[in-house]
Amino acid sequence: MTGSGPDGLPFVDEHEVLVPAPAADVWRALAGQVPGARGRSGSALAHLLAAVPRRATGRLFDPGATVPGFAVTESVPGRLVRLKGRHRFSRYALVFTLTPGPGGTRLSARTYAAFPGVPGRLYRLVVIGSGGHRLLVTRMLHAARRRAAH
Protein backbone atom coordinates (compact mmCIF):
# COMPACT_ATOMS: atom_id res chain seq x y z
CA MET A 1 0.00 0.00 0.00
CA THR A 2 1.36 3.42 -0.91
CA GLY A 3 -0.03 6.88 -1.45
CA SER A 4 -1.46 9.18 1.13
CA GLY A 5 -4.01 8.87 3.86
CA PRO A 6 -5.55 11.22 6.40
CA ASP A 7 -4.83 14.87 5.65
CA GLY A 8 -2.58 13.88 2.76
CA LEU A 9 -0.01 12.27 5.06
CA PRO A 10 2.24 9.69 3.39
CA PHE A 11 1.69 6.01 4.19
CA VAL A 12 4.38 4.58 6.48
CA ASP A 13 3.36 1.00 7.30
CA GLU A 14 0.62 -1.43 8.25
CA HIS A 15 0.59 -4.26 10.78
CA GLU A 16 -2.18 -6.71 11.61
CA VAL A 17 -3.13 -9.64 13.80
CA LEU A 18 -6.02 -12.07 13.80
CA VAL A 19 -7.76 -12.03 17.18
CA PRO A 20 -9.89 -15.08 18.05
CA ALA A 21 -12.61 -12.90 19.56
CA PRO A 22 -15.61 -10.80 18.47
CA ALA A 23 -14.98 -7.22 17.33
CA ALA A 24 -16.64 -5.75 20.45
CA ASP A 25 -14.12 -7.56 22.68
CA VAL A 26 -11.21 -6.50 20.47
CA TRP A 27 -12.42 -2.87 20.57
CA ARG A 28 -12.40 -2.86 24.39
CA ALA A 29 -9.00 -4.55 24.51
CA LEU A 30 -7.51 -2.11 21.99
CA ALA A 31 -8.66 0.89 24.03
CA GLY A 32 -6.54 -0.39 26.89
CA GLN A 33 -3.42 -0.59 24.72
CA VAL A 34 -3.31 2.92 23.26
CA PRO A 35 -0.37 4.89 24.73
CA GLY A 36 -1.63 7.11 27.53
CA ALA A 37 -4.76 4.99 28.07
CA ARG A 38 -5.63 3.44 31.43
CA GLY A 39 -3.51 5.90 33.37
CA ARG A 40 -0.25 5.13 31.58
CA SER A 41 1.42 8.47 31.11
CA GLY A 42 2.98 9.61 27.90
CA SER A 43 2.94 13.20 29.07
CA ALA A 44 6.71 13.42 29.74
CA LEU A 45 7.54 12.33 26.20
CA ALA A 46 4.71 14.48 24.83
CA HIS A 47 6.19 17.48 26.63
CA LEU A 48 9.72 16.70 25.42
CA LEU A 49 8.55 16.46 21.80
CA ALA A 50 6.11 19.40 22.15
CA ALA A 51 3.34 17.03 21.08
CA VAL A 52 -0.18 18.23 20.42
CA PRO A 53 -2.30 17.24 22.26
CA ARG A 54 -0.23 16.94 25.43
CA ARG A 55 -2.70 15.40 27.87
CA ALA A 56 -5.65 13.09 28.13
CA THR A 57 -9.19 14.45 27.90
CA GLY A 58 -12.57 12.79 27.39
CA ARG A 59 -13.29 9.10 27.10
CA LEU A 60 -10.89 7.23 24.84
CA PHE A 61 -12.25 6.42 21.38
CA ASP A 62 -14.96 9.08 21.67
CA PRO A 63 -14.49 11.69 18.91
CA GLY A 64 -12.51 14.61 20.31
CA ALA A 65 -10.99 12.60 23.16
CA THR A 66 -7.22 12.86 23.56
CA VAL A 67 -4.24 11.05 25.02
CA PRO A 68 -0.73 12.51 25.00
CA GLY A 69 0.26 12.89 21.35
CA PHE A 70 -3.06 11.76 19.84
CA ALA A 71 -6.61 13.05 19.30
CA VAL A 72 -9.51 10.87 18.21
CA THR A 73 -10.69 12.34 14.91
CA GLU A 74 -12.99 9.52 13.82
CA SER A 75 -14.55 6.62 15.66
CA VAL A 76 -16.93 3.89 14.57
CA PRO A 77 -17.24 1.61 17.60
CA GLY A 78 -16.12 -1.93 16.89
CA ARG A 79 -14.91 -1.00 13.39
CA LEU A 80 -12.49 1.93 13.15
CA VAL A 81 -10.68 4.58 15.15
CA ARG A 82 -8.47 7.30 13.69
CA LEU A 83 -5.94 9.04 15.92
CA LYS A 84 -4.00 12.13 14.80
CA GLY A 85 -1.28 14.23 16.34
CA ARG A 86 1.83 16.23 15.73
CA HIS A 87 5.05 17.22 17.42
CA ARG A 88 8.19 19.15 16.56
CA PHE A 89 9.46 16.45 14.17
CA SER A 90 6.34 14.94 12.62
CA ARG A 91 2.62 15.09 11.77
CA TYR A 92 1.00 11.68 11.96
CA ALA A 93 -2.11 9.53 12.02
CA LEU A 94 -2.65 6.03 13.35
CA VAL A 95 -5.72 4.22 12.02
CA PHE A 96 -7.00 1.02 13.60
CA THR A 97 -9.55 -1.10 11.75
CA LEU A 98 -11.38 -4.16 12.99
CA THR A 99 -12.72 -6.58 10.40
CA PRO A 100 -14.83 -9.56 11.56
CA GLY A 101 -14.24 -12.77 9.67
CA PRO A 102 -13.69 -16.49 9.97
CA GLY A 103 -11.74 -17.28 13.10
CA GLY A 104 -12.22 -13.91 14.76
CA THR A 105 -11.45 -10.27 14.07
CA ARG A 106 -8.62 -8.90 11.95
CA LEU A 107 -7.11 -5.95 13.81
CA SER A 108 -4.90 -3.70 11.72
CA ALA A 109 -2.93 -0.54 12.42
CA ARG A 110 -1.96 1.78 9.57
CA THR A 111 0.47 4.62 10.15
CA TYR A 112 0.71 7.76 8.06
CA ALA A 113 3.26 10.48 8.78
CA ALA A 114 5.20 13.42 7.39
CA PHE A 115 8.67 14.23 8.71
CA PRO A 116 9.50 17.74 7.49
CA GLY A 117 13.01 19.13 7.21
CA VAL A 118 16.33 17.69 8.27
CA PRO A 119 15.25 17.22 11.92
CA GLY A 120 12.18 15.31 10.72
CA ARG A 121 14.22 13.08 8.43
CA LEU A 122 16.61 12.30 11.29
CA TYR A 123 13.68 11.55 13.60
CA ARG A 124 12.20 9.21 10.96
CA LEU A 125 15.54 7.41 10.70
CA VAL A 126 15.68 6.91 14.47
CA VAL A 127 12.04 5.91 14.97
CA ILE A 128 11.02 4.19 11.73
CA GLY A 129 14.42 3.16 10.35
CA SER A 130 15.49 1.52 13.60
CA GLY A 131 12.41 -0.70 13.71
CA GLY A 132 11.28 0.92 16.98
CA HIS A 133 7.91 2.01 15.58
CA ARG A 134 7.23 -1.45 14.16
CA LEU A 135 8.09 -3.03 17.51
CA LEU A 136 5.80 -0.70 19.48
CA VAL A 137 2.83 -1.11 17.13
CA THR A 138 3.13 -4.90 16.92
CA ARG A 139 3.43 -5.12 20.72
CA MET A 140 0.27 -3.03 21.03
CA LEU A 141 -1.62 -5.28 18.61
CA HIS A 142 -0.43 -8.49 20.27
CA ALA A 143 -1.31 -7.15 23.73
CA ALA A 144 -4.81 -6.31 22.49
CA ARG A 145 -5.08 -9.83 21.04
CA ARG A 146 -4.05 -11.43 24.36
CA ARG A 147 -6.43 -9.23 26.34
CA ALA A 148 -9.41 -9.81 23.99
CA ALA A 149 -8.89 -13.58 23.79
CA HIS A 150 -9.16 -13.97 27.58
C-alpha atoms as a PDB file:
ATOM      1  CA  MET A   1       0.000   0.000   0.000  1.00  0.00           C
ATOM      2  CA  THR A   2       1.358   3.418  -0.910  1.00  0.00           C
ATOM      3  CA  GLY A   3      -0.032   6.876  -1.447  1.00  0.00           C
ATOM      4  CA  SER A   4      -1.462   9.180   1.130  1.00  0.00           C
ATOM      5  CA  GLY A   5      -4.006   8.870   3.858  1.00  0.00           C
ATOM      6  CA  PRO A   6      -5.546  11.219   6.404  1.00  0.00           C
ATOM      7  CA  ASP A   7      -4.826  14.869   5.649  1.00  0.00           C
ATOM      8  CA  GLY A   8      -2.578  13.884   2.759  1.00  0.00           C
ATOM      9  CA  LEU A   9      -0.015  12.268   5.062  1.00  0.00           C
ATOM     10  CA  PRO A  10       2.240   9.688   3.392  1.00  0.00           C
ATOM     11  CA  PHE A  11       1.689   6.012   4.187  1.00  0.00           C
ATOM     12  CA  VAL A  12       4.384   4.581   6.482  1.00  0.00           C
ATOM     13  CA  ASP A  13       3.364   0.999   7.297  1.00  0.00           C
ATOM     14  CA  GLU A  14       0.619  -1.427   8.246  1.00  0.00           C
ATOM     15  CA  HIS A  15       0.588  -4.260  10.784  1.00  0.00           C
ATOM     16  CA  GLU A  16      -2.182  -6.711  11.615  1.00  0.00           C
ATOM     17  CA  VAL A  17      -3.134  -9.637  13.797  1.00  0.00           C
ATOM     18  CA  LEU A  18      -6.021 -12.074  13.805  1.00  0.00           C
ATOM     19  CA  VAL A  19      -7.758 -12.026  17.176  1.00  0.00           C
ATOM     20  CA  PRO A  20      -9.889 -15.075  18.048  1.00  0.00           C
ATOM     21  CA  ALA A  21     -12.613 -12.904  19.558  1.00  0.00           C
ATOM     22  CA  PRO A  22     -15.613 -10.799  18.466  1.00  0.00           C
ATOM     23  CA  ALA A  23     -14.981  -7.217  17.328  1.00  0.00           C
ATOM     24  CA  ALA A  24     -16.637  -5.753  20.449  1.00  0.00           C
ATOM     25  CA  ASP A  25     -14.118  -7.559  22.684  1.00  0.00           C
ATOM     26  CA  VAL A  26     -11.214  -6.500  20.465  1.00  0.00           C
ATOM     27  CA  TRP A  27     -12.423  -2.874  20.573  1.00  0.00           C
ATOM     28  CA  ARG A  28     -12.399  -2.856  24.395  1.00  0.00           C
ATOM     29  CA  ALA A  29      -8.999  -4.549  24.514  1.00  0.00           C
ATOM     30  CA  LEU A  30      -7.513  -2.111  21.995  1.00  0.00           C
ATOM     31  CA  ALA A  31      -8.661   0.891  24.028  1.00  0.00           C
ATOM     32  CA  GLY A  32      -6.540  -0.390  26.888  1.00  0.00           C
ATOM     33  CA  GLN A  33      -3.424  -0.589  24.724  1.00  0.00           C
ATOM     34  CA  VAL A  34      -3.306   2.924  23.259  1.00  0.00           C
ATOM     35  CA  PRO A  35      -0.374   4.890  24.732  1.00  0.00           C
ATOM     36  CA  GLY A  36      -1.632   7.109  27.532  1.00  0.00           C
ATOM     37  CA  ALA A  37      -4.759   4.992  28.069  1.00  0.00           C
ATOM     38  CA  ARG A  38      -5.633   3.438  31.434  1.00  0.00           C
ATOM     39  CA  GLY A  39      -3.508   5.901  33.367  1.00  0.00           C
ATOM     40  CA  ARG A  40      -0.249   5.134  31.583  1.00  0.00           C
ATOM     41  CA  SER A  41       1.421   8.465  31.111  1.00  0.00           C
ATOM     42  CA  GLY A  42       2.983   9.615  27.896  1.00  0.00           C
ATOM     43  CA  SER A  43       2.940  13.197  29.073  1.00  0.00           C
ATOM     44  CA  ALA A  44       6.706  13.425  29.742  1.00  0.00           C
ATOM     45  CA  LEU A  45       7.536  12.327  26.202  1.00  0.00           C
ATOM     46  CA  ALA A  46       4.710  14.484  24.829  1.00  0.00           C
ATOM     47  CA  HIS A  47       6.190  17.482  26.631  1.00  0.00           C
ATOM     48  CA  LEU A  48       9.725  16.697  25.416  1.00  0.00           C
ATOM     49  CA  LEU A  49       8.545  16.457  21.797  1.00  0.00           C
ATOM     50  CA  ALA A  50       6.113  19.397  22.145  1.00  0.00           C
ATOM     51  CA  ALA A  51       3.340  17.034  21.082  1.00  0.00           C
ATOM     52  CA  VAL A  52      -0.182  18.228  20.418  1.00  0.00           C
ATOM     53  CA  PRO A  53      -2.295  17.239  22.261  1.00  0.00           C
ATOM     54  CA  ARG A  54      -0.230  16.936  25.432  1.00  0.00           C
ATOM     55  CA  ARG A  55      -2.697  15.398  27.870  1.00  0.00           C
ATOM     56  CA  ALA A  56      -5.651  13.090  28.128  1.00  0.00           C
ATOM     57  CA  THR A  57      -9.193  14.449  27.896  1.00  0.00           C
ATOM     58  CA  GLY A  58     -12.567  12.795  27.388  1.00  0.00           C
ATOM     59  CA  ARG A  59     -13.290   9.104  27.104  1.00  0.00           C
ATOM     60  CA  LEU A  60     -10.892   7.230  24.836  1.00  0.00           C
ATOM     61  CA  PHE A  61     -12.250   6.425  21.379  1.00  0.00           C
ATOM     62  CA  ASP A  62     -14.961   9.077  21.666  1.00  0.00           C
ATOM     63  CA  PRO A  63     -14.491  11.690  18.912  1.00  0.00           C
ATOM     64  CA  GLY A  64     -12.510  14.608  20.309  1.00  0.00           C
ATOM     65  CA  ALA A  65     -10.986  12.599  23.164  1.00  0.00           C
ATOM     66  CA  THR A  66      -7.224  12.865  23.562  1.00  0.00           C
ATOM     67  CA  VAL A  67      -4.243  11.046  25.025  1.00  0.00           C
ATOM     68  CA  PRO A  68      -0.725  12.514  24.999  1.00  0.00           C
ATOM     69  CA  GLY A  69       0.256  12.886  21.348  1.00  0.00           C
ATOM     70  CA  PHE A  70      -3.062  11.762  19.842  1.00  0.00           C
ATOM     71  CA  ALA A  71      -6.608  13.048  19.304  1.00  0.00           C
ATOM     72  CA  VAL A  72      -9.509  10.867  18.211  1.00  0.00           C
ATOM     73  CA  THR A  73     -10.690  12.341  14.905  1.00  0.00           C
ATOM     74  CA  GLU A  74     -12.994   9.520  13.817  1.00  0.00           C
ATOM     75  CA  SER A  75     -14.546   6.622  15.662  1.00  0.00           C
ATOM     76  CA  VAL A  76     -16.930   3.886  14.572  1.00  0.00           C
ATOM     77  CA  PRO A  77     -17.238   1.608  17.602  1.00  0.00           C
ATOM     78  CA  GLY A  78     -16.118  -1.928  16.892  1.00  0.00           C
ATOM     79  CA  ARG A  79     -14.909  -1.002  13.392  1.00  0.00           C
ATOM     80  CA  LEU A  80     -12.490   1.932  13.146  1.00  0.00           C
ATOM     81  CA  VAL A  81     -10.677   4.580  15.154  1.00  0.00           C
ATOM     82  CA  ARG A  82      -8.468   7.304  13.687  1.00  0.00           C
ATOM     83  CA  LEU A  83      -5.941   9.044  15.921  1.00  0.00           C
ATOM     84  CA  LYS A  84      -4.000  12.130  14.801  1.00  0.00           C
ATOM     85  CA  GLY A  85      -1.283  14.228  16.338  1.00  0.00           C
ATOM     86  CA  ARG A  86       1.832  16.232  15.734  1.00  0.00           C
ATOM     87  CA  HIS A  87       5.053  17.221  17.417  1.00  0.00           C
ATOM     88  CA  ARG A  88       8.186  19.147  16.557  1.00  0.00           C
ATOM     89  CA  PHE A  89       9.460  16.446  14.168  1.00  0.00           C
ATOM     90  CA  SER A  90       6.340  14.941  12.620  1.00  0.00           C
ATOM     91  CA  ARG A  91       2.621  15.089  11.773  1.00  0.00           C
ATOM     92  CA  TYR A  92       0.999  11.683  11.958  1.00  0.00           C
ATOM     93  CA  ALA A  93      -2.113   9.531  12.021  1.00  0.00           C
ATOM     94  CA  LEU A  94      -2.647   6.026  13.347  1.00  0.00           C
ATOM     95  CA  VAL A  95      -5.723   4.222  12.016  1.00  0.00           C
ATOM     96  CA  PHE A  96      -6.999   1.023  13.603  1.00  0.00           C
ATOM     97  CA  THR A  97      -9.545  -1.102  11.750  1.00  0.00           C
ATOM     98  CA  LEU A  98     -11.380  -4.162  12.989  1.00  0.00           C
ATOM     99  CA  THR A  99     -12.724  -6.579  10.398  1.00  0.00           C
ATOM    100  CA  PRO A 100     -14.829  -9.558  11.556  1.00  0.00           C
ATOM    101  CA  GLY A 101     -14.239 -12.769   9.671  1.00  0.00           C
ATOM    102  CA  PRO A 102     -13.686 -16.492   9.965  1.00  0.00           C
ATOM    103  CA  GLY A 103     -11.738 -17.277  13.099  1.00  0.00           C
ATOM    104  CA  GLY A 104     -12.224 -13.911  14.761  1.00  0.00           C
ATOM    105  CA  THR A 105     -11.446 -10.268  14.075  1.00  0.00           C
ATOM    106  CA  ARG A 106      -8.621  -8.901  11.953  1.00  0.00           C
ATOM    107  CA  LEU A 107      -7.107  -5.948  13.805  1.00  0.00           C
ATOM    108  CA  SER A 108      -4.896  -3.702  11.716  1.00  0.00           C
ATOM    109  CA  ALA A 109      -2.928  -0.544  12.423  1.00  0.00           C
ATOM    110  CA  ARG A 110      -1.960   1.785   9.566  1.00  0.00           C
ATOM    111  CA  THR A 111       0.472   4.616  10.154  1.00  0.00           C
ATOM    112  CA  TYR A 112       0.711   7.764   8.056  1.00  0.00           C
ATOM    113  CA  ALA A 113       3.263  10.475   8.777  1.00  0.00           C
ATOM    114  CA  ALA A 114       5.201  13.422   7.392  1.00  0.00           C
ATOM    115  CA  PHE A 115       8.668  14.232   8.705  1.00  0.00           C
ATOM    116  CA  PRO A 116       9.505  17.741   7.489  1.00  0.00           C
ATOM    117  CA  GLY A 117      13.009  19.134   7.213  1.00  0.00           C
ATOM    118  CA  VAL A 118      16.332  17.688   8.272  1.00  0.00           C
ATOM    119  CA  PRO A 119      15.255  17.215  11.918  1.00  0.00           C
ATOM    120  CA  GLY A 120      12.176  15.315  10.722  1.00  0.00           C
ATOM    121  CA  ARG A 121      14.223  13.077   8.433  1.00  0.00           C
ATOM    122  CA  LEU A 122      16.613  12.301  11.293  1.00  0.00           C
ATOM    123  CA  TYR A 123      13.682  11.550  13.599  1.00  0.00           C
ATOM    124  CA  ARG A 124      12.204   9.213  10.960  1.00  0.00           C
ATOM    125  CA  LEU A 125      15.538   7.408  10.700  1.00  0.00           C
ATOM    126  CA  VAL A 126      15.679   6.912  14.474  1.00  0.00           C
ATOM    127  CA  VAL A 127      12.035   5.909  14.972  1.00  0.00           C
ATOM    128  CA  ILE A 128      11.022   4.195  11.727  1.00  0.00           C
ATOM    129  CA  GLY A 129      14.418   3.165  10.348  1.00  0.00           C
ATOM    130  CA  SER A 130      15.492   1.524  13.604  1.00  0.00           C
ATOM    131  CA  GLY A 131      12.409  -0.696  13.712  1.00  0.00           C
ATOM    132  CA  GLY A 132      11.277   0.919  16.978  1.00  0.00           C
ATOM    133  CA  HIS A 133       7.913   2.013  15.578  1.00  0.00           C
ATOM    134  CA  ARG A 134       7.230  -1.450  14.159  1.00  0.00           C
ATOM    135  CA  LEU A 135       8.085  -3.034  17.510  1.00  0.00           C
ATOM    136  CA  LEU A 136       5.799  -0.702  19.479  1.00  0.00           C
ATOM    137  CA  VAL A 137       2.835  -1.115  17.133  1.00  0.00           C
ATOM    138  CA  THR A 138       3.126  -4.898  16.918  1.00  0.00           C
ATOM    139  CA  ARG A 139       3.433  -5.118  20.718  1.00  0.00           C
ATOM    140  CA  MET A 140       0.275  -3.026  21.034  1.00  0.00           C
ATOM    141  CA  LEU A 141      -1.619  -5.283  18.606  1.00  0.00           C
ATOM    142  CA  HIS A 142      -0.434  -8.490  20.271  1.00  0.00           C
ATOM    143  CA  ALA A 143      -1.311  -7.151  23.728  1.00  0.00           C
ATOM    144  CA  ALA A 144      -4.811  -6.314  22.486  1.00  0.00           C
ATOM    145  CA  ARG A 145      -5.078  -9.831  21.039  1.00  0.00           C
ATOM    146  CA  ARG A 146      -4.052 -11.435  24.359  1.00  0.00           C
ATOM    147  CA  ARG A 147      -6.433  -9.233  26.336  1.00  0.00           C
ATOM    148  CA  ALA A 148      -9.409  -9.812  23.993  1.00  0.00           C
ATOM    149  CA  ALA A 149      -8.889 -13.577  23.788  1.00  0.00           C
ATOM    150  CA  HIS A 150      -9.161 -13.969  27.576  1.00  0.00           C
END
